[in-house]
C-alpha atoms as a PDB file:
ATOM      1  CA  MET A   1      39.870  50.490  57.518  1.00  0.00           C
ATOM      2  CA  ALA A   2      38.344  50.610  54.032  1.00  0.00           C
ATOM      3  CA  PRO A   3      38.967  52.408  50.896  1.00  0.00           C
ATOM      4  CA  ASN A   4      36.356  54.942  49.186  1.00  0.00           C
ATOM      5  CA  ALA A   5      34.116  52.954  47.072  1.00  0.00           C
ATOM      6  CA  SER A   6      34.764  53.666  42.851  1.00  0.00           C
ATOM      7  CA  GLY A   7      31.601  51.892  42.534  1.00  0.00           C
ATOM      8  CA  LEU A   8      34.149  49.488  39.960  1.00  0.00           C
ATOM      9  CA  ARG A   9      32.927  46.304  41.761  1.00  0.00           C
ATOM     10  CA  GLU A  10      36.546  44.441  40.949  1.00  0.00           C
ATOM     11  CA  LEU A  11      38.680  47.809  42.053  1.00  0.00           C
ATOM     12  CA  ASP A  12      36.933  48.437  44.813  1.00  0.00           C
ATOM     13  CA  HIS A  13      37.430  44.290  45.676  1.00  0.00           C
ATOM     14  CA  GLU A  14      40.971  44.406  45.279  1.00  0.00           C
ATOM     15  CA  ARG A  15      41.371  47.409  46.579  1.00  0.00           C
ATOM     16  CA  LEU A  16      39.823  45.868  49.946  1.00  0.00           C
ATOM     17  CA  VAL A  17      41.870  42.615  49.708  1.00  0.00           C
ATOM     18  CA  THR A  18      45.027  44.969  49.097  1.00  0.00           C
ATOM     19  CA  LYS A  19      44.554  46.994  52.147  1.00  0.00           C
ATOM     20  CA  CYS A  20      43.736  43.831  54.282  1.00  0.00           C
ATOM     21  CA  LEU A  21      46.810  42.182  52.866  1.00  0.00           C
ATOM     22  CA  SER A  22      49.136  45.380  54.083  1.00  0.00           C
ATOM     23  CA  VAL A  23      47.257  44.986  57.411  1.00  0.00           C
ATOM     24  CA  LEU A  24      48.879  41.231  57.792  1.00  0.00           C
ATOM     25  CA  VAL A  25      51.966  42.813  57.849  1.00  0.00           C
ATOM     26  CA  LEU A  26      51.205  45.369  60.406  1.00  0.00           C
ATOM     27  CA  ALA A  27      49.570  42.418  62.335  1.00  0.00           C
ATOM     28  CA  ASP A  28      52.300  40.212  62.406  1.00  0.00           C
ATOM     29  CA  LYS A  29      54.818  43.048  64.067  1.00  0.00           C
ATOM     30  CA  VAL A  30      52.509  44.396  66.356  1.00  0.00           C
ATOM     31  CA  LEU A  31      50.009  40.895  67.864  1.00  0.00           C
ATOM     32  CA  ARG A  32      50.625  38.857  70.186  1.00  0.00           C
ATOM     33  CA  PRO A  33      50.356  34.916  69.996  1.00  0.00           C
ATOM     34  CA  GLY A  34      46.499  34.191  70.543  1.00  0.00           C
ATOM     35  CA  GLY A  35      45.399  37.614  69.238  1.00  0.00           C
ATOM     36  CA  SER A  36      42.689  37.865  66.772  1.00  0.00           C
ATOM     37  CA  LEU A  37      41.825  40.542  63.773  1.00  0.00           C
ATOM     38  CA  ILE A  38      38.791  40.980  61.583  1.00  0.00           C
ATOM     39  CA  CYS A  39      39.006  41.681  57.522  1.00  0.00           C
ATOM     40  CA  LYS A  40      36.341  42.715  55.931  1.00  0.00           C
ATOM     41  CA  TYR A  41      36.384  42.094  52.063  1.00  0.00           C
ATOM     42  CA  TRP A  42      34.057  42.208  48.788  1.00  0.00           C
ATOM     43  CA  TYR A  43      33.684  38.933  47.483  1.00  0.00           C
ATOM     44  CA  GLY A  44      35.506  38.262  44.045  1.00  0.00           C
ATOM     45  CA  ALA A  45      38.913  36.618  42.978  1.00  0.00           C
ATOM     46  CA  LEU A  46      41.427  37.522  45.383  1.00  0.00           C
ATOM     47  CA  ALA A  47      39.247  36.331  48.360  1.00  0.00           C
ATOM     48  CA  CYS A  48      41.178  32.616  48.154  1.00  0.00           C
ATOM     49  CA  LYS A  49      44.278  34.570  48.467  1.00  0.00           C
ATOM     50  CA  LEU A  50      43.544  36.405  51.373  1.00  0.00           C
ATOM     51  CA  GLN A  51      41.960  33.516  53.160  1.00  0.00           C
ATOM     52  CA  GLN A  52      44.927  31.550  52.617  1.00  0.00           C
ATOM     53  CA  ARG A  53      47.329  34.532  53.881  1.00  0.00           C
ATOM     54  CA  LEU A  54      45.111  34.712  56.629  1.00  0.00           C
ATOM     55  CA  SER A  55      45.311  30.512  57.570  1.00  0.00           C
ATOM     56  CA  SER A  56      48.476  30.534  57.330  1.00  0.00           C
ATOM     57  CA  MET A  57      49.283  33.397  60.478  1.00  0.00           C
ATOM     58  CA  PHE A  58      46.311  32.308  62.409  1.00  0.00           C
ATOM     59  CA  GLN A  59      45.069  28.755  63.594  1.00  0.00           C
ATOM     60  CA  ASP A  60      41.106  29.241  62.908  1.00  0.00           C
ATOM     61  CA  VAL A  61      39.831  31.469  60.198  1.00  0.00           C
ATOM     62  CA  ARG A  62      35.953  31.678  59.103  1.00  0.00           C
ATOM     63  CA  THR A  63      34.059  33.255  56.253  1.00  0.00           C
ATOM     64  CA  VAL A  64      31.335  35.371  58.239  1.00  0.00           C
ATOM     65  CA  LYS A  65      28.118  37.151  57.033  1.00  0.00           C
ATOM     66  CA  PRO A  66      26.170  39.389  59.490  1.00  0.00           C
ATOM     67  CA  ARG A  67      22.619  39.632  59.921  1.00  0.00           C
ATOM     68  CA  ALA A  68      22.872  42.861  59.326  1.00  0.00           C
ATOM     69  CA  SER A  69      24.476  43.132  56.323  1.00  0.00           C
ATOM     70  CA  ARG A  70      21.909  43.469  53.647  1.00  0.00           C
ATOM     71  CA  LYS A  71      21.726  39.994  51.132  1.00  0.00           C
ATOM     72  CA  GLU A  72      22.593  41.322  48.168  1.00  0.00           C
ATOM     73  CA  THR A  73      25.969  43.076  49.071  1.00  0.00           C
ATOM     74  CA  ALA A  74      28.793  41.044  48.204  1.00  0.00           C
ATOM     75  CA  GLU A  75      30.372  42.442  51.868  1.00  0.00           C
ATOM     76  CA  LEU A  76      32.104  39.440  53.853  1.00  0.00           C
ATOM     77  CA  PHE A  77      34.189  39.454  57.082  1.00  0.00           C
ATOM     78  CA  PHE A  78      37.223  36.933  57.786  1.00  0.00           C
ATOM     79  CA  PRO A  79      37.246  36.836  61.185  1.00  0.00           C
ATOM     80  CA  ALA A  80      40.648  35.241  62.263  1.00  0.00           C
ATOM     81  CA  ARG A  81      41.513  33.907  65.857  1.00  0.00           C
ATOM     82  CA  MET A  82      44.783  32.519  67.540  1.00  0.00           C
ATOM     83  CA  PHE A  83      47.717  34.084  66.337  1.00  0.00           C
ATOM     84  CA  LYS A  84      50.587  32.021  65.398  1.00  0.00           C
ATOM     85  CA  MET A  85      53.839  33.667  66.560  1.00  0.00           C
ATOM     86  CA  ARG A  86      56.956  33.174  63.694  1.00  0.00           C
END
C-alpha cells in the first residue's frame, strides 16, 4: 500500500510513514510470533520514528535500498523479521 504521491517530498514522506505506522497496528493483531513485514518509505525526518517502532515489535530490522531502485530516489525499505508477541 502507498498513498498517491503529491510531488511534495516532505508531505509524501509523512504520508508513507503514517501509512506504515497504521499497518503496524494491524500487524500487531494479525502477525504470529516470528512473522515478517516490509515497509517502504522515503527518507526523511520521520524515518527514525518508524524504525524505532519497528524495532520495538521485531527482533531484526534493517534498512535496504534494492539495486532495482533508481539511485536518485529517496525510496528505502525496512524489512522487519521475527515479530515479537506482546
